[in-house]
PDB file of all heavy atoms in Angstrom:
ATOM      1  N   GLU A   1      73.350  40.018 216.316  1.00  0.00           N
ATOM      2  CA  GLU A   1      73.411  40.572 215.003  1.00  0.00           C
ATOM      3  C   GLU A   1      72.770  41.933 214.968  1.00  0.00           C
ATOM      4  O   GLU A   1      73.235  42.890 214.282  1.00  0.00           O
ATOM      5  CB  GLU A   1      72.684  39.630 214.030  1.00  0.00           C
ATOM      6  CG  GLU A   1      72.675  40.091 212.544  1.00  0.00           C
ATOM      7  CD  GLU A   1      74.082  40.083 211.917  1.00  0.00           C
ATOM      8  OE1 GLU A   1      74.954  39.360 212.404  1.00  0.00           O
ATOM      9  OE2 GLU A   1      74.259  40.791 210.941  1.00  0.00           O
ATOM     10  N   PHE A   2      71.693  42.207 215.728  1.00  0.00           N
ATOM     11  CA  PHE A   2      71.026  43.451 215.748  1.00  0.00           C
ATOM     12  C   PHE A   2      71.857  44.534 216.453  1.00  0.00           C
ATOM     13  O   PHE A   2      71.754  45.678 216.149  1.00  0.00           O
ATOM     14  CB  PHE A   2      69.621  43.302 216.388  1.00  0.00           C
ATOM     15  CG  PHE A   2      68.659  42.449 215.601  1.00  0.00           C
ATOM     16  CD1 PHE A   2      67.594  41.924 216.232  1.00  0.00           C
ATOM     17  CD2 PHE A   2      68.943  42.104 214.210  1.00  0.00           C
ATOM     18  CE1 PHE A   2      66.730  41.098 215.531  1.00  0.00           C
ATOM     19  CE2 PHE A   2      68.073  41.347 213.555  1.00  0.00           C
ATOM     20  CZ  PHE A   2      66.965  40.744 214.146  1.00  0.00           C
ATOM     21  N   ARG A   3      72.620  44.069 217.442  1.00  0.00           N
ATOM     22  CA  ARG A   3      73.588  45.033 218.078  1.00  0.00           C
ATOM     23  C   ARG A   3      74.704  45.441 217.088  1.00  0.00           C
ATOM     24  O   ARG A   3      75.072  46.556 217.119  1.00  0.00           O
ATOM     25  CB  ARG A   3      74.174  44.427 219.323  1.00  0.00           C
ATOM     26  CG  ARG A   3      73.598  44.963 220.564  1.00  0.00           C
ATOM     27  CD  ARG A   3      74.352  44.564 221.812  1.00  0.00           C
ATOM     28  NE  ARG A   3      73.781  43.279 222.299  1.00  0.00           N
ATOM     29  CZ  ARG A   3      74.508  42.214 222.505  1.00  0.00           C
ATOM     30  NH1 ARG A   3      75.838  42.221 222.364  1.00  0.00           N
ATOM     31  NH2 ARG A   3      73.939  41.123 222.962  1.00  0.00           N
ATOM     32  N   ARG A   4      75.132  44.509 216.304  1.00  0.00           N
ATOM     33  CA  ARG A   4      76.173  44.744 215.361  1.00  0.00           C
ATOM     34  C   ARG A   4      75.645  45.695 214.176  1.00  0.00           C
ATOM     35  O   ARG A   4      76.372  46.510 213.676  1.00  0.00           O
ATOM     36  CB  ARG A   4      76.719  43.440 214.810  1.00  0.00           C
ATOM     37  CG  ARG A   4      77.981  43.617 213.925  1.00  0.00           C
ATOM     38  CD  ARG A   4      78.417  42.291 213.395  1.00  0.00           C
ATOM     39  NE  ARG A   4      77.534  41.692 212.433  1.00  0.00           N
ATOM     40  CZ  ARG A   4      77.466  42.057 211.143  1.00  0.00           C
ATOM     41  NH1 ARG A   4      78.252  42.964 210.729  1.00  0.00           N
ATOM     42  NH2 ARG A   4      76.675  41.457 210.314  1.00  0.00           N
ATOM     43  N   CYS A   5      74.426  45.388 213.812  1.00  0.00           N
ATOM     44  CA  CYS A   5      73.876  46.098 212.632  1.00  0.00           C
ATOM     45  C   CYS A   5      72.417  46.613 213.054  1.00  0.00           C
ATOM     46  O   CYS A   5      71.500  45.881 212.747  1.00  0.00           O
ATOM     47  CB  CYS A   5      73.767  45.210 211.430  1.00  0.00           C
ATOM     48  SG  CYS A   5      73.242  45.944 209.922  1.00  0.00           S
ATOM     49  N   PRO A   6      72.271  47.747 213.608  1.00  0.00           N
ATOM     50  CA  PRO A   6      70.991  48.195 214.087  1.00  0.00           C
ATOM     51  C   PRO A   6      69.919  48.383 212.968  1.00  0.00           C
ATOM     52  O   PRO A   6      68.775  48.160 213.283  1.00  0.00           O
ATOM     53  CB  PRO A   6      71.291  49.589 214.735  1.00  0.00           C
ATOM     54  CG  PRO A   6      72.800  49.561 215.069  1.00  0.00           C
ATOM     55  CD  PRO A   6      73.371  48.715 214.015  1.00  0.00           C
ATOM     56  N   GLU A   7      70.350  48.665 211.847  1.00  0.00           N
ATOM     57  CA  GLU A   7      69.352  48.817 210.702  1.00  0.00           C
ATOM     58  C   GLU A   7      68.736  47.523 210.406  1.00  0.00           C
ATOM     59  O   GLU A   7      67.519  47.390 210.022  1.00  0.00           O
ATOM     60  CB  GLU A   7      70.001  49.408 209.478  1.00  0.00           C
ATOM     61  CG  GLU A   7      71.066  48.501 208.856  1.00  0.00           C
ATOM     62  CD  GLU A   7      71.962  49.250 207.924  1.00  0.00           C
ATOM     63  OE1 GLU A   7      72.056  50.459 208.004  1.00  0.00           O
ATOM     64  OE2 GLU A   7      72.561  48.568 207.016  1.00  0.00           O
ATOM     65  N   LYS A   8      69.428  46.386 210.581  1.00  0.00           N
ATOM     66  CA  LYS A   8      68.813  45.095 210.394  1.00  0.00           C
ATOM     67  C   LYS A   8      67.755  44.803 211.462  1.00  0.00           C
ATOM     68  O   LYS A   8      66.747  44.241 211.180  1.00  0.00           O
ATOM     69  CB  LYS A   8      69.922  44.003 210.458  1.00  0.00           C
ATOM     70  CG  LYS A   8      69.511  42.666 209.912  1.00  0.00           C
ATOM     71  CD  LYS A   8      70.753  41.760 209.909  1.00  0.00           C
ATOM     72  CE  LYS A   8      70.556  40.593 209.062  1.00  0.00           C
ATOM     73  NZ  LYS A   8      71.707  39.701 208.946  1.00  0.00           N
ATOM     74  N   GLY A   9      68.012  45.244 212.675  1.00  0.00           N
ATOM     75  CA  GLY A   9      67.100  45.123 213.782  1.00  0.00           C
ATOM     76  C   GLY A   9      65.856  45.934 213.520  1.00  0.00           C
ATOM     77  O   GLY A   9      64.705  45.490 213.776  1.00  0.00           O
ATOM     78  N   GLU A  10      66.003  47.122 212.961  1.00  0.00           N
ATOM     79  CA  GLU A  10      64.834  47.977 212.615  1.00  0.00           C
ATOM     80  C   GLU A  10      64.032  47.284 211.535  1.00  0.00           C
ATOM     81  O   GLU A  10      62.786  47.330 211.597  1.00  0.00           O
ATOM     82  CB  GLU A  10      65.301  49.368 212.205  1.00  0.00           C
ATOM     83  CG  GLU A  10      65.865  50.170 213.317  1.00  0.00           C
ATOM     84  CD  GLU A  10      64.822  50.399 214.455  1.00  0.00           C
ATOM     85  OE1 GLU A  10      63.741  50.676 214.158  1.00  0.00           O
ATOM     86  OE2 GLU A  10      65.287  50.225 215.666  1.00  0.00           O
ATOM     87  N   ARG A  11      64.662  46.675 210.529  1.00  0.00           N
ATOM     88  CA  ARG A  11      63.882  46.042 209.462  1.00  0.00           C
ATOM     89  C   ARG A  11      63.146  44.839 210.025  1.00  0.00           C
ATOM     90  O   ARG A  11      62.051  44.544 209.612  1.00  0.00           O
ATOM     91  CB  ARG A  11      64.811  45.496 208.388  1.00  0.00           C
ATOM     92  CG  ARG A  11      65.255  46.583 207.441  1.00  0.00           C
ATOM     93  CD  ARG A  11      65.869  46.101 206.150  1.00  0.00           C
ATOM     94  NE  ARG A  11      66.715  44.930 206.287  1.00  0.00           N
ATOM     95  CZ  ARG A  11      68.074  44.957 206.223  1.00  0.00           C
ATOM     96  NH1 ARG A  11      68.717  46.087 205.979  1.00  0.00           N
ATOM     97  NH2 ARG A  11      68.783  43.878 206.344  1.00  0.00           N
ATOM     98  N   TYR A  12      63.796  44.086 210.974  1.00  0.00           N
ATOM     99  CA  TYR A  12      63.145  42.936 211.552  1.00  0.00           C
ATOM    100  C   TYR A  12      61.925  43.382 212.377  1.00  0.00           C
ATOM    101  O   TYR A  12      60.879  42.674 212.397  1.00  0.00           O
ATOM    102  CB  TYR A  12      64.144  42.170 212.451  1.00  0.00           C
ATOM    103  CG  TYR A  12      63.535  40.937 212.984  1.00  0.00           C
ATOM    104  CD1 TYR A  12      63.421  39.799 212.182  1.00  0.00           C
ATOM    105  CD2 TYR A  12      63.152  40.799 214.328  1.00  0.00           C
ATOM    106  CE1 TYR A  12      62.954  38.608 212.723  1.00  0.00           C
ATOM    107  CE2 TYR A  12      62.613  39.623 214.824  1.00  0.00           C
ATOM    108  CZ  TYR A  12      62.511  38.480 213.999  1.00  0.00           C
ATOM    109  OH  TYR A  12      62.009  37.321 214.492  1.00  0.00           O
ATOM    110  N   LYS A  13      61.991  44.497 213.016  1.00  0.00           N
ATOM    111  CA  LYS A  13      60.812  44.934 213.828  1.00  0.00           C
ATOM    112  C   LYS A  13      59.599  45.230 212.975  1.00  0.00           C
ATOM    113  O   LYS A  13      58.509  45.024 213.392  1.00  0.00           O
ATOM    114  CB  LYS A  13      61.162  46.223 214.624  1.00  0.00           C
ATOM    115  CG  LYS A  13      62.035  45.941 215.762  1.00  0.00           C
ATOM    116  CD  LYS A  13      62.393  47.309 216.553  1.00  0.00           C
ATOM    117  CE  LYS A  13      63.430  47.066 217.600  1.00  0.00           C
ATOM    118  NZ  LYS A  13      63.823  48.321 218.215  1.00  0.00           N
ATOM    119  N   ILE A  14      59.800  45.730 211.752  1.00  0.00           N
ATOM    120  CA  ILE A  14      58.696  46.086 210.866  1.00  0.00           C
ATOM    121  C   ILE A  14      58.164  44.858 210.055  1.00  0.00           C
ATOM    122  O   ILE A  14      57.148  44.966 209.392  1.00  0.00           O
ATOM    123  CB  ILE A  14      58.995  47.218 209.957  1.00  0.00           C
ATOM    124  CG1 ILE A  14      60.199  46.920 209.070  1.00  0.00           C
ATOM    125  CG2 ILE A  14      59.207  48.514 210.747  1.00  0.00           C
ATOM    126  CD1 ILE A  14      60.346  47.815 207.909  1.00  0.00           C
ATOM    127  N   LEU A  15      58.944  43.779 210.133  1.00  0.00           N
ATOM    128  CA  LEU A  15      58.511  42.626 209.362  1.00  0.00           C
ATOM    129  C   LEU A  15      57.138  42.085 209.866  1.00  0.00           C
ATOM    130  O   LEU A  15      56.962  42.016 211.106  1.00  0.00           O
ATOM    131  CB  LEU A  15      59.634  41.504 209.520  1.00  0.00           C
ATOM    132  CG  LEU A  15      59.529  40.312 208.658  1.00  0.00           C
ATOM    133  CD1 LEU A  15      59.659  40.653 207.154  1.00  0.00           C
ATOM    134  CD2 LEU A  15      60.597  39.264 209.023  1.00  0.00           C
ATOM    135  N   PRO A  16      56.192  41.760 208.980  1.00  0.00           N
ATOM    136  CA  PRO A  16      54.896  41.276 209.408  1.00  0.00           C
ATOM    137  C   PRO A  16      55.069  39.992 210.272  1.00  0.00           C
ATOM    138  O   PRO A  16      55.992  39.189 210.060  1.00  0.00           O
ATOM    139  CB  PRO A  16      54.139  40.986 208.166  1.00  0.00           C
ATOM    140  CG  PRO A  16      54.834  41.880 207.115  1.00  0.00           C
ATOM    141  CD  PRO A  16      56.245  41.971 207.553  1.00  0.00           C
ATOM    142  N   LEU A  17      54.133  39.855 211.111  1.00  0.00           N
ATOM    143  CA  LEU A  17      54.224  38.753 212.136  1.00  0.00           C
ATOM    144  C   LEU A  17      54.173  37.345 211.459  1.00  0.00           C
ATOM    145  O   LEU A  17      54.695  36.387 211.964  1.00  0.00           O
ATOM    146  CB  LEU A  17      53.084  38.899 213.101  1.00  0.00           C
ATOM    147  CG  LEU A  17      53.250  38.246 214.506  1.00  0.00           C
ATOM    148  CD1 LEU A  17      54.601  38.578 215.158  1.00  0.00           C
ATOM    149  CD2 LEU A  17      52.035  38.573 215.374  1.00  0.00           C
ATOM    150  N   HIS A  18      53.432  37.230 210.358  1.00  0.00           N
ATOM    151  CA  HIS A  18      53.212  35.931 209.744  1.00  0.00           C
ATOM    152  C   HIS A  18      54.589  35.376 209.252  1.00  0.00           C
ATOM    153  O   HIS A  18      54.850  34.158 209.187  1.00  0.00           O
ATOM    154  CB  HIS A  18      52.143  35.895 208.620  1.00  0.00           C
ATOM    155  CG  HIS A  18      52.451  36.749 207.488  1.00  0.00           C
ATOM    156  ND1 HIS A  18      52.149  38.086 207.363  1.00  0.00           N
ATOM    157  CD2 HIS A  18      53.038  36.464 206.250  1.00  0.00           C
ATOM    158  CE1 HIS A  18      52.534  38.568 206.248  1.00  0.00           C
ATOM    159  NE2 HIS A  18      53.031  37.646 205.506  1.00  0.00           N
ATOM    160  N   PHE A  19      55.493  36.219 208.875  1.00  0.00           N
ATOM    161  CA  PHE A  19      56.886  35.748 208.544  1.00  0.00           C
ATOM    162  C   PHE A  19      57.662  35.250 209.712  1.00  0.00           C
ATOM    163  O   PHE A  19      58.320  34.246 209.657  1.00  0.00           O
ATOM    164  CB  PHE A  19      57.675  36.819 207.815  1.00  0.00           C
ATOM    165  CG  PHE A  19      57.210  37.210 206.426  1.00  0.00           C
ATOM    166  CD1 PHE A  19      56.705  38.493 206.219  1.00  0.00           C
ATOM    167  CD2 PHE A  19      57.192  36.281 205.387  1.00  0.00           C
ATOM    168  CE1 PHE A  19      56.281  38.837 204.910  1.00  0.00           C
ATOM    169  CE2 PHE A  19      56.699  36.605 204.161  1.00  0.00           C
ATOM    170  CZ  PHE A  19      56.276  37.926 203.912  1.00  0.00           C
ATOM    171  N   LYS A  20      57.522  36.007 210.847  1.00  0.00           N
ATOM    172  CA  LYS A  20      58.129  35.504 212.103  1.00  0.00           C
ATOM    173  C   LYS A  20      57.552  34.213 212.559  1.00  0.00           C
ATOM    174  O   LYS A  20      58.301  33.268 212.959  1.00  0.00           O
ATOM    175  CB  LYS A  20      58.033  36.608 213.129  1.00  0.00           C
ATOM    176  CG  LYS A  20      58.709  37.904 212.794  1.00  0.00           C
ATOM    177  CD  LYS A  20      58.496  38.936 213.801  1.00  0.00           C
ATOM    178  CE  LYS A  20      59.000  40.287 213.354  1.00  0.00           C
ATOM    179  NZ  LYS A  20      58.716  41.350 214.294  1.00  0.00           N
ATOM    180  N   PHE A  21      56.198  34.074 212.510  1.00  0.00           N
ATOM    181  CA  PHE A  21      55.586  32.875 212.881  1.00  0.00           C
ATOM    182  C   PHE A  21      56.055  31.705 211.990  1.00  0.00           C
ATOM    183  O   PHE A  21      56.155  30.556 212.499  1.00  0.00           O
ATOM    184  CB  PHE A  21      54.039  32.956 212.815  1.00  0.00           C
ATOM    185  CG  PHE A  21      53.426  33.692 213.988  1.00  0.00           C
ATOM    186  CD1 PHE A  21      52.105  34.028 214.026  1.00  0.00           C
ATOM    187  CD2 PHE A  21      54.194  34.014 215.106  1.00  0.00           C
ATOM    188  CE1 PHE A  21      51.521  34.644 215.067  1.00  0.00           C
ATOM    189  CE2 PHE A  21      53.632  34.646 216.214  1.00  0.00           C
ATOM    190  CZ  PHE A  21      52.311  34.972 216.173  1.00  0.00           C
ATOM    191  N   GLY A  22      56.197  31.911 210.731  1.00  0.00           N
ATOM    192  CA  GLY A  22      56.674  30.922 209.773  1.00  0.00           C
ATOM    193  C   GLY A  22      58.073  30.401 210.309  1.00  0.00           C
ATOM    194  O   GLY A  22      58.276  29.169 210.176  1.00  0.00           O
ATOM    195  N   CYS A  23      58.881  31.215 210.766  1.00  0.00           N
ATOM    196  CA  CYS A  23      60.203  30.755 211.252  1.00  0.00           C
ATOM    197  C   CYS A  23      60.042  30.040 212.517  1.00  0.00           C
ATOM    198  O   CYS A  23      60.571  28.965 212.701  1.00  0.00           O
ATOM    199  CB  CYS A  23      61.100  31.995 211.404  1.00  0.00           C
ATOM    200  SG  CYS A  23      62.759  31.530 212.068  1.00  0.00           S
ATOM    201  N   TRP A  24      59.264  30.653 213.479  1.00  0.00           N
ATOM    202  CA  TRP A  24      59.137  30.065 214.844  1.00  0.00           C
ATOM    203  C   TRP A  24      58.411  28.752 214.896  1.00  0.00           C
ATOM    204  O   TRP A  24      58.777  27.854 215.629  1.00  0.00           O
ATOM    205  CB  TRP A  24      58.503  31.075 215.784  1.00  0.00           C
ATOM    206  CG  TRP A  24      59.203  32.372 215.957  1.00  0.00           C
ATOM    207  CD1 TRP A  24      60.511  32.621 215.784  1.00  0.00           C
ATOM    208  CD2 TRP A  24      58.541  33.598 216.322  1.00  0.00           C
ATOM    209  NE1 TRP A  24      60.763  33.988 216.032  1.00  0.00           N
ATOM    210  CE2 TRP A  24      59.557  34.579 216.398  1.00  0.00           C
ATOM    211  CE3 TRP A  24      57.199  33.957 216.669  1.00  0.00           C
ATOM    212  CZ2 TRP A  24      59.297  35.922 216.695  1.00  0.00           C
ATOM    213  CZ3 TRP A  24      56.964  35.254 216.912  1.00  0.00           C
ATOM    214  CH2 TRP A  24      57.997  36.230 216.954  1.00  0.00           C
ATOM    215  N   PHE A  25      57.369  28.662 214.053  1.00  0.00           N
ATOM    216  CA  PHE A  25      56.464  27.512 214.186  1.00  0.00           C
ATOM    217  C   PHE A  25      56.476  26.542 213.001  1.00  0.00           C
ATOM    218  O   PHE A  25      55.747  25.525 213.009  1.00  0.00           O
ATOM    219  CB  PHE A  25      55.058  27.982 214.414  1.00  0.00           C
ATOM    220  CG  PHE A  25      54.926  28.802 215.644  1.00  0.00           C
ATOM    221  CD1 PHE A  25      54.436  30.103 215.600  1.00  0.00           C
ATOM    222  CD2 PHE A  25      55.182  28.276 216.895  1.00  0.00           C
ATOM    223  CE1 PHE A  25      54.324  30.868 216.755  1.00  0.00           C
ATOM    224  CE2 PHE A  25      55.103  28.965 218.015  1.00  0.00           C
ATOM    225  CZ  PHE A  25      54.685  30.302 217.974  1.00  0.00           C
ATOM    226  N   ILE A  26      57.320  26.812 211.922  1.00  0.00           N
ATOM    227  CA  ILE A  26      57.469  25.818 210.840  1.00  0.00           C
ATOM    228  C   ILE A  26      58.981  25.411 210.669  1.00  0.00           C
ATOM    229  O   ILE A  26      59.271  24.235 210.765  1.00  0.00           O
ATOM    230  CB  ILE A  26      56.905  26.433 209.535  1.00  0.00           C
ATOM    231  CG1 ILE A  26      55.438  26.653 209.660  1.00  0.00           C
ATOM    232  CG2 ILE A  26      57.236  25.540 208.379  1.00  0.00           C
ATOM    233  CD1 ILE A  26      54.799  27.370 208.472  1.00  0.00           C
ATOM    234  N   VAL A  27      59.783  26.449 210.506  1.00  0.00           N
ATOM    235  CA  VAL A  27      61.171  26.111 210.159  1.00  0.00           C
ATOM    236  C   VAL A  27      61.891  25.539 211.437  1.00  0.00           C
ATOM    237  O   VAL A  27      62.533  24.516 211.341  1.00  0.00           O
ATOM    238  CB  VAL A  27      61.966  27.374 209.686  1.00  0.00           C
ATOM    239  CG1 VAL A  27      63.422  27.071 209.490  1.00  0.00           C
ATOM    240  CG2 VAL A  27      61.342  27.869 208.379  1.00  0.00           C
ATOM    241  N   VAL A  28      61.790  26.183 212.535  1.00  0.00           N
ATOM    242  CA  VAL A  28      62.507  25.759 213.795  1.00  0.00           C
ATOM    243  C   VAL A  28      62.003  24.404 214.281  1.00  0.00           C
ATOM    244  O   VAL A  28      62.874  23.475 214.585  1.00  0.00           O
ATOM    245  CB  VAL A  28      62.511  26.808 214.863  1.00  0.00           C
ATOM    246  CG1 VAL A  28      63.158  26.225 216.179  1.00  0.00           C
ATOM    247  CG2 VAL A  28      63.215  28.081 214.416  1.00  0.00           C
ATOM    248  N   PRO A  29      60.707  24.122 214.285  1.00  0.00           N
ATOM    249  CA  PRO A  29      60.309  22.764 214.716  1.00  0.00           C
ATOM    250  C   PRO A  29      60.767  21.689 213.736  1.00  0.00           C
ATOM    251  O   PRO A  29      61.132  20.581 214.200  1.00  0.00           O
ATOM    252  CB  PRO A  29      58.728  22.856 214.686  1.00  0.00           C
ATOM    253  CG  PRO A  29      58.453  24.255 214.924  1.00  0.00           C
ATOM    254  CD  PRO A  29      59.551  25.039 214.235  1.00  0.00           C
ATOM    255  N   LEU A  30      60.743  21.936 212.405  1.00  0.00           N
ATOM    256  CA  LEU A  30      61.293  21.000 211.459  1.00  0.00           C
ATOM    257  C   LEU A  30      62.766  20.711 211.656  1.00  0.00           C
ATOM    258  O   LEU A  30      63.207  19.578 211.548  1.00  0.00           O
ATOM    259  CB  LEU A  30      60.976  21.401 210.036  1.00  0.00           C
ATOM    260  CG  LEU A  30      59.571  21.280 209.512  1.00  0.00           C
ATOM    261  CD1 LEU A  30      59.411  21.890 208.152  1.00  0.00           C
ATOM    262  CD2 LEU A  30      59.232  19.751 209.375  1.00  0.00           C
ATOM    263  N   LEU A  31      63.452  21.813 211.974  1.00  0.00           N
ATOM    264  CA  LEU A  31      64.871  21.700 212.198  1.00  0.00           C
ATOM    265  C   LEU A  31      65.128  20.875 213.525  1.00  0.00           C
ATOM    266  O   LEU A  31      66.027  19.992 213.560  1.00  0.00           O
ATOM    267  CB  LEU A  31      65.561  23.043 212.364  1.00  0.00           C
ATOM    268  CG  LEU A  31      67.018  23.060 212.521  1.00  0.00           C
ATOM    269  CD1 LEU A  31      67.769  22.473 211.363  1.00  0.00           C
ATOM    270  CD2 LEU A  31      67.549  24.537 212.741  1.00  0.00           C
ATOM    271  N   ALA A  32      64.305  21.136 214.514  1.00  0.00           N
ATOM    272  CA  ALA A  32      64.500  20.353 215.782  1.00  0.00           C
ATOM    273  C   ALA A  32      64.132  18.841 215.520  1.00  0.00           C
ATOM    274  O   ALA A  32      64.857  17.937 216.013  1.00  0.00           O
ATOM    275  CB  ALA A  32      63.508  20.910 216.846  1.00  0.00           C
ATOM    276  N   LEU A  33      63.133  18.623 214.777  1.00  0.00           N
ATOM    277  CA  LEU A  33      62.763  17.229 214.524  1.00  0.00           C
ATOM    278  C   LEU A  33      63.810  16.554 213.610  1.00  0.00           C
ATOM    279  O   LEU A  33      64.169  15.348 213.893  1.00  0.00           O
ATOM    280  CB  LEU A  33      61.418  17.131 213.743  1.00  0.00           C
ATOM    281  CG  LEU A  33      60.767  15.837 213.508  1.00  0.00           C
ATOM    282  CD1 LEU A  33      60.518  15.119 214.856  1.00  0.00           C
ATOM    283  CD2 LEU A  33      59.488  15.964 212.685  1.00  0.00           C
ATOM    284  N   GLY A  34      64.350  17.254 212.661  1.00  0.00           N
ATOM    285  CA  GLY A  34      65.411  16.655 211.878  1.00  0.00           C
ATOM    286  C   GLY A  34      66.728  16.447 212.588  1.00  0.00           C
ATOM    287  O   GLY A  34      67.502  15.560 212.230  1.00  0.00           O
ATOM    288  N   THR A  35      66.935  17.296 213.627  1.00  0.00           N
ATOM    289  CA  THR A  35      68.200  17.178 214.388  1.00  0.00           C
ATOM    290  C   THR A  35      68.136  15.985 215.327  1.00  0.00           C
ATOM    291  O   THR A  35      69.062  15.188 215.397  1.00  0.00           O
ATOM    292  CB  THR A  35      68.464  18.513 215.251  1.00  0.00           C
ATOM    293  OG1 THR A  35      68.418  19.560 214.292  1.00  0.00           O
ATOM    294  CG2 THR A  35      69.722  18.431 215.912  1.00  0.00           C
TER     295      THR A  35
END
């Protein structure tokens, strides 16, 4: 997606780390457990 839309990749780079951690350590583990 970031190759297709570089501006989206730039926005993701400036996103604060706590939002990324929320995805990596809350949403994805719950999805894995539910799967």
